[in-house]
Amino acid sequence: MKIILNLFLSALAVFVTAQLLPGVKLDGFMTAVVVAVVLGVVNALLRPLLLLLTLPVNVLTLGLFTFVIIGGLVKLVSWLVPGFHVTSFWWALVFAAVLWVINAFLSRLKS
């Protein structure tokens, strides 16, 4: 039951974020559910590997390269999921930041 609630809240956060940002297009709530699942899988599997591979660059940029990785992962999800489109890398970064804020807010409401 807890997994379904977390999935619903993540999908709701994706849906609200897409509605707020003009550079992000989303077909509907079911697409938001798919985006939430794919984004979760990509963040769980690819993000740690990419952070490890780019560790020297990340150290040199004092961690700012992490934002490049996050934006790239959002663009990857945009490419993988039909019905979800992010117009540019910068909108992907803004999407990730706003999604983080909305997820934090919804997590506070949940607990």
N, C-alpha and C. Protein backbone atom coordinates (compact mmCIF):
# COMPACT_ATOMS: atom_id res chain seq x y z
N MET A 1 0.82 -1.19 0.00
CA MET A 1 0.00 0.00 0.00
C MET A 1 0.86 1.26 0.00
N LYS A 2 1.98 1.19 0.75
CA LYS A 2 2.88 2.34 0.84
C LYS A 2 3.53 2.64 -0.52
N ILE A 3 3.85 1.59 -1.27
CA ILE A 3 4.46 1.77 -2.59
C ILE A 3 3.48 2.45 -3.54
N ILE A 4 2.23 2.06 -3.48
CA ILE A 4 1.21 2.67 -4.35
C ILE A 4 1.01 4.14 -3.99
N LEU A 5 1.01 4.45 -2.70
CA LEU A 5 0.87 5.84 -2.27
C LEU A 5 2.06 6.68 -2.75
N ASN A 6 3.28 6.13 -2.61
CA ASN A 6 4.46 6.85 -3.08
C ASN A 6 4.44 7.05 -4.59
N LEU A 7 4.00 6.04 -5.32
CA LEU A 7 3.90 6.15 -6.78
C LEU A 7 2.87 7.21 -7.16
N PHE A 8 1.73 7.22 -6.48
CA PHE A 8 0.70 8.23 -6.76
C PHE A 8 1.22 9.63 -6.48
N LEU A 9 1.91 9.81 -5.35
CA LEU A 9 2.44 11.14 -5.01
C LEU A 9 3.52 11.59 -6.00
N SER A 10 4.35 10.66 -6.43
CA SER A 10 5.37 10.99 -7.43
C SER A 10 4.74 11.37 -8.75
N ALA A 11 3.73 10.62 -9.16
CA ALA A 11 3.03 10.93 -10.41
C ALA A 11 2.31 12.27 -10.30
N LEU A 12 1.72 12.54 -9.15
CA LEU A 12 1.06 13.83 -8.94
C LEU A 12 2.08 14.97 -9.02
N ALA A 13 3.26 14.76 -8.44
CA ALA A 13 4.31 15.78 -8.51
C ALA A 13 4.76 16.01 -9.95
N VAL A 14 4.91 14.96 -10.72
CA VAL A 14 5.29 15.09 -12.14
C VAL A 14 4.20 15.84 -12.90
N PHE A 15 2.95 15.49 -12.63
CA PHE A 15 1.83 16.12 -13.33
C PHE A 15 1.75 17.61 -13.01
N VAL A 16 1.86 17.96 -11.73
CA VAL A 16 1.78 19.37 -11.33
C VAL A 16 2.97 20.15 -11.90
N THR A 17 4.15 19.57 -11.85
CA THR A 17 5.34 20.24 -12.39
C THR A 17 5.19 20.49 -13.87
N ALA A 18 4.68 19.52 -14.61
CA ALA A 18 4.50 19.69 -16.05
C ALA A 18 3.45 20.76 -16.35
N GLN A 19 2.45 20.89 -15.49
CA GLN A 19 1.44 21.92 -15.71
C GLN A 19 1.99 23.31 -15.43
N LEU A 20 2.95 23.41 -14.51
CA LEU A 20 3.51 24.71 -14.15
C LEU A 20 4.52 25.25 -15.17
N LEU A 21 5.23 24.35 -15.84
CA LEU A 21 6.33 24.78 -16.70
C LEU A 21 5.92 24.75 -18.17
N PRO A 22 6.10 25.87 -18.88
CA PRO A 22 5.71 25.90 -20.29
C PRO A 22 6.63 25.08 -21.20
N GLY A 23 7.83 24.74 -20.76
CA GLY A 23 8.76 23.98 -21.58
C GLY A 23 8.61 22.48 -21.44
N VAL A 24 7.61 22.04 -20.68
CA VAL A 24 7.39 20.61 -20.45
C VAL A 24 5.97 20.27 -20.86
N LYS A 25 5.83 19.27 -21.71
CA LYS A 25 4.51 18.83 -22.17
C LYS A 25 4.26 17.40 -21.70
N LEU A 26 3.05 17.17 -21.20
CA LEU A 26 2.66 15.86 -20.68
C LEU A 26 1.25 15.57 -21.17
N ASP A 27 1.03 14.36 -21.70
CA ASP A 27 -0.27 14.02 -22.29
C ASP A 27 -1.38 13.84 -21.25
N GLY A 28 -1.08 13.24 -20.13
CA GLY A 28 -2.11 13.02 -19.12
C GLY A 28 -1.53 12.42 -17.86
N PHE A 29 -2.43 12.07 -16.93
CA PHE A 29 -1.96 11.57 -15.65
C PHE A 29 -1.33 10.19 -15.77
N MET A 30 -1.83 9.35 -16.67
CA MET A 30 -1.22 8.02 -16.84
C MET A 30 0.20 8.15 -17.38
N THR A 31 0.43 9.13 -18.22
CA THR A 31 1.78 9.39 -18.70
C THR A 31 2.65 9.85 -17.53
N ALA A 32 2.09 10.62 -16.62
CA ALA A 32 2.83 11.06 -15.43
C ALA A 32 3.22 9.87 -14.56
N VAL A 33 2.35 8.87 -14.47
CA VAL A 33 2.67 7.66 -13.71
C VAL A 33 3.86 6.94 -14.36
N VAL A 34 3.83 6.82 -15.68
CA VAL A 34 4.93 6.16 -16.40
C VAL A 34 6.22 6.96 -16.23
N VAL A 35 6.14 8.28 -16.31
CA VAL A 35 7.32 9.14 -16.13
C VAL A 35 7.88 8.96 -14.72
N ALA A 36 7.02 8.90 -13.73
CA ALA A 36 7.47 8.72 -12.34
C ALA A 36 8.20 7.40 -12.17
N VAL A 37 7.68 6.34 -12.78
CA VAL A 37 8.31 5.02 -12.67
C VAL A 37 9.66 5.02 -13.40
N VAL A 38 9.67 5.50 -14.63
CA VAL A 38 10.90 5.49 -15.43
C VAL A 38 11.95 6.40 -14.79
N LEU A 39 11.54 7.56 -14.31
CA LEU A 39 12.48 8.47 -13.67
C LEU A 39 13.05 7.85 -12.40
N GLY A 40 12.23 7.13 -11.66
CA GLY A 40 12.72 6.44 -10.47
C GLY A 40 13.73 5.35 -10.80
N VAL A 41 13.45 4.58 -11.85
CA VAL A 41 14.37 3.52 -12.26
C VAL A 41 15.68 4.11 -12.79
N VAL A 42 15.58 5.14 -13.60
CA VAL A 42 16.77 5.79 -14.16
C VAL A 42 17.61 6.39 -13.04
N ASN A 43 16.97 7.05 -12.07
CA ASN A 43 17.71 7.63 -10.95
C ASN A 43 18.33 6.56 -10.07
N ALA A 44 17.69 5.42 -9.95
CA ALA A 44 18.23 4.36 -9.10
C ALA A 44 19.37 3.61 -9.77
N LEU A 45 19.31 3.44 -11.09
CA LEU A 45 20.31 2.63 -11.78
C LEU A 45 21.41 3.45 -12.45
N LEU A 46 21.04 4.45 -13.21
CA LEU A 46 22.03 5.20 -13.99
C LEU A 46 22.73 6.31 -13.22
N ARG A 47 22.01 7.00 -12.39
CA ARG A 47 22.59 8.17 -11.71
C ARG A 47 23.82 7.82 -10.87
N PRO A 48 23.79 6.77 -10.03
CA PRO A 48 25.00 6.46 -9.26
C PRO A 48 26.19 6.08 -10.16
N LEU A 49 25.91 5.36 -11.23
CA LEU A 49 26.97 4.99 -12.17
C LEU A 49 27.57 6.21 -12.85
N LEU A 50 26.72 7.11 -13.30
CA LEU A 50 27.21 8.33 -13.94
C LEU A 50 27.97 9.22 -12.97
N LEU A 51 27.49 9.32 -11.74
CA LEU A 51 28.21 10.11 -10.75
C LEU A 51 29.59 9.52 -10.46
N LEU A 52 29.68 8.21 -10.43
CA LEU A 52 30.97 7.56 -10.21
C LEU A 52 31.92 7.78 -11.39
N LEU A 53 31.39 7.64 -12.60
CA LEU A 53 32.23 7.80 -13.80
C LEU A 53 32.70 9.25 -13.99
N THR A 54 31.92 10.20 -13.54
CA THR A 54 32.27 11.60 -13.73
C THR A 54 32.82 12.23 -12.45
N LEU A 55 33.27 11.40 -11.53
CA LEU A 55 33.76 11.91 -10.25
C LEU A 55 34.88 12.94 -10.39
N PRO A 56 35.88 12.73 -11.25
CA PRO A 56 36.92 13.76 -11.36
C PRO A 56 36.37 15.12 -11.84
N VAL A 57 35.48 15.09 -12.82
CA VAL A 57 34.89 16.34 -13.31
C VAL A 57 34.03 16.96 -12.22
N ASN A 58 33.32 16.13 -11.49
CA ASN A 58 32.46 16.62 -10.41
C ASN A 58 33.28 17.28 -9.31
N VAL A 59 34.42 16.72 -9.00
CA VAL A 59 35.29 17.31 -7.98
C VAL A 59 35.83 18.64 -8.47
N LEU A 60 36.25 18.68 -9.74
CA LEU A 60 36.81 19.92 -10.29
C LEU A 60 35.78 21.04 -10.35
N THR A 61 34.52 20.70 -10.56
CA THR A 61 33.48 21.72 -10.65
C THR A 61 32.75 21.92 -9.31
N LEU A 62 33.31 21.34 -8.26
CA LEU A 62 32.73 21.44 -6.92
C LEU A 62 31.29 20.94 -6.85
N GLY A 63 31.00 19.90 -7.60
CA GLY A 63 29.68 19.28 -7.57
C GLY A 63 28.67 19.83 -8.55
N LEU A 64 29.02 20.89 -9.26
CA LEU A 64 28.06 21.50 -10.18
C LEU A 64 27.77 20.61 -11.40
N PHE A 65 28.68 19.72 -11.73
CA PHE A 65 28.44 18.81 -12.86
C PHE A 65 27.27 17.86 -12.57
N THR A 66 26.93 17.70 -11.30
CA THR A 66 25.78 16.87 -10.94
C THR A 66 24.51 17.40 -11.60
N PHE A 67 24.40 18.71 -11.72
CA PHE A 67 23.22 19.30 -12.38
C PHE A 67 23.16 18.90 -13.85
N VAL A 68 24.30 18.80 -14.49
CA VAL A 68 24.35 18.36 -15.89
C VAL A 68 23.84 16.92 -15.99
N ILE A 69 24.25 16.08 -15.07
CA ILE A 69 23.80 14.69 -15.06
C ILE A 69 22.29 14.62 -14.84
N ILE A 70 21.78 15.39 -13.90
CA ILE A 70 20.34 15.39 -13.61
C ILE A 70 19.55 15.86 -14.83
N GLY A 71 19.98 16.94 -15.44
CA GLY A 71 19.31 17.42 -16.65
C GLY A 71 19.34 16.40 -17.77
N GLY A 72 20.47 15.75 -17.93
CA GLY A 72 20.59 14.71 -18.96
C GLY A 72 19.67 13.53 -18.69
N LEU A 73 19.52 13.16 -17.44
CA LEU A 73 18.62 12.04 -17.11
C LEU A 73 17.17 12.40 -17.37
N VAL A 74 16.78 13.64 -17.08
CA VAL A 74 15.41 14.06 -17.38
C VAL A 74 15.19 14.07 -18.90
N LYS A 75 16.18 14.54 -19.66
CA LYS A 75 16.06 14.50 -21.14
C LYS A 75 15.99 13.06 -21.64
N LEU A 76 16.73 12.15 -21.00
CA LEU A 76 16.67 10.73 -21.38
C LEU A 76 15.27 10.18 -21.15
N VAL A 77 14.68 10.50 -20.00
CA VAL A 77 13.31 10.05 -19.72
C VAL A 77 12.34 10.66 -20.72
N SER A 78 12.57 11.91 -21.10
CA SER A 78 11.74 12.57 -22.11
C SER A 78 11.83 11.83 -23.44
N TRP A 79 13.01 11.34 -23.75
CA TRP A 79 13.21 10.60 -25.00
C TRP A 79 12.58 9.21 -24.92
N LEU A 80 12.59 8.59 -23.75
CA LEU A 80 12.09 7.22 -23.59
C LEU A 80 10.57 7.12 -23.49
N VAL A 81 9.94 8.11 -22.87
CA VAL A 81 8.50 8.02 -22.59
C VAL A 81 7.71 8.82 -23.62
N PRO A 82 6.89 8.14 -24.42
CA PRO A 82 6.05 8.88 -25.35
C PRO A 82 4.97 9.66 -24.59
N GLY A 83 4.72 10.88 -25.04
CA GLY A 83 3.73 11.71 -24.38
C GLY A 83 4.34 12.64 -23.35
N PHE A 84 5.65 12.56 -23.15
CA PHE A 84 6.36 13.43 -22.22
C PHE A 84 7.49 14.09 -23.02
N HIS A 85 7.43 15.42 -23.09
CA HIS A 85 8.43 16.13 -23.89
C HIS A 85 8.97 17.33 -23.12
N VAL A 86 10.29 17.40 -23.04
CA VAL A 86 10.97 18.54 -22.44
C VAL A 86 11.72 19.23 -23.58
N THR A 87 11.45 20.53 -23.77
CA THR A 87 11.95 21.21 -24.96
C THR A 87 13.46 21.42 -24.99
N SER A 88 14.10 21.60 -23.83
CA SER A 88 15.54 21.84 -23.85
C SER A 88 16.18 21.31 -22.57
N PHE A 89 17.48 21.33 -22.58
CA PHE A 89 18.23 20.90 -21.40
C PHE A 89 17.93 21.80 -20.21
N TRP A 90 17.78 23.10 -20.46
CA TRP A 90 17.52 24.05 -19.37
C TRP A 90 16.15 23.81 -18.75
N TRP A 91 15.16 23.49 -19.57
CA TRP A 91 13.85 23.15 -19.02
C TRP A 91 13.91 21.85 -18.23
N ALA A 92 14.81 20.93 -18.64
CA ALA A 92 14.99 19.68 -17.89
C ALA A 92 15.55 19.98 -16.51
N LEU A 93 16.49 20.91 -16.42
CA LEU A 93 17.04 21.30 -15.12
C LEU A 93 15.97 21.96 -14.24
N VAL A 94 15.19 22.85 -14.84
CA VAL A 94 14.12 23.52 -14.09
C VAL A 94 13.07 22.49 -13.65
N PHE A 95 12.74 21.56 -14.54
CA PHE A 95 11.79 20.50 -14.22
C PHE A 95 12.27 19.71 -13.01
N ALA A 96 13.55 19.32 -13.01
CA ALA A 96 14.09 18.54 -11.90
C ALA A 96 14.04 19.33 -10.59
N ALA A 97 14.36 20.62 -10.65
CA ALA A 97 14.36 21.45 -9.43
C ALA A 97 12.94 21.63 -8.89
N VAL A 98 11.99 21.94 -9.76
CA VAL A 98 10.61 22.14 -9.32
C VAL A 98 10.02 20.81 -8.84
N LEU A 99 10.35 19.72 -9.52
CA LEU A 99 9.87 18.41 -9.10
C LEU A 99 10.39 18.07 -7.71
N TRP A 100 11.63 18.41 -7.43
CA TRP A 100 12.20 18.17 -6.11
C TRP A 100 11.43 18.95 -5.03
N VAL A 101 11.11 20.20 -5.31
CA VAL A 101 10.39 21.03 -4.34
C VAL A 101 8.98 20.47 -4.10
N ILE A 102 8.29 20.11 -5.16
CA ILE A 102 6.93 19.59 -5.02
C ILE A 102 6.93 18.25 -4.31
N ASN A 103 7.91 17.38 -4.63
CA ASN A 103 8.02 16.10 -3.94
C ASN A 103 8.28 16.30 -2.45
N ALA A 104 9.13 17.26 -2.12
CA ALA A 104 9.41 17.54 -0.71
C ALA A 104 8.14 18.01 0.01
N PHE A 105 7.38 18.88 -0.65
CA PHE A 105 6.13 19.37 -0.07
C PHE A 105 5.13 18.23 0.14
N LEU A 106 4.96 17.38 -0.87
CA LEU A 106 4.02 16.26 -0.75
C LEU A 106 4.48 15.24 0.29
N SER A 107 5.77 15.05 0.41
CA SER A 107 6.28 14.12 1.43
C SER A 107 6.00 14.65 2.83
N ARG A 108 6.08 15.96 2.99
CA ARG A 108 5.77 16.56 4.30
C ARG A 108 4.29 16.37 4.64
N LEU A 109 3.43 16.50 3.63
CA LEU A 109 2.00 16.32 3.87
C LEU A 109 1.68 14.87 4.23
N LYS A 110 2.42 13.94 3.61
CA LYS A 110 2.16 12.53 3.82
C LYS A 110 2.50 12.10 5.26
N SER A 111 3.56 12.65 5.82
CA SER A 111 3.98 12.21 7.15
C SER A 111 3.38 13.01 8.27
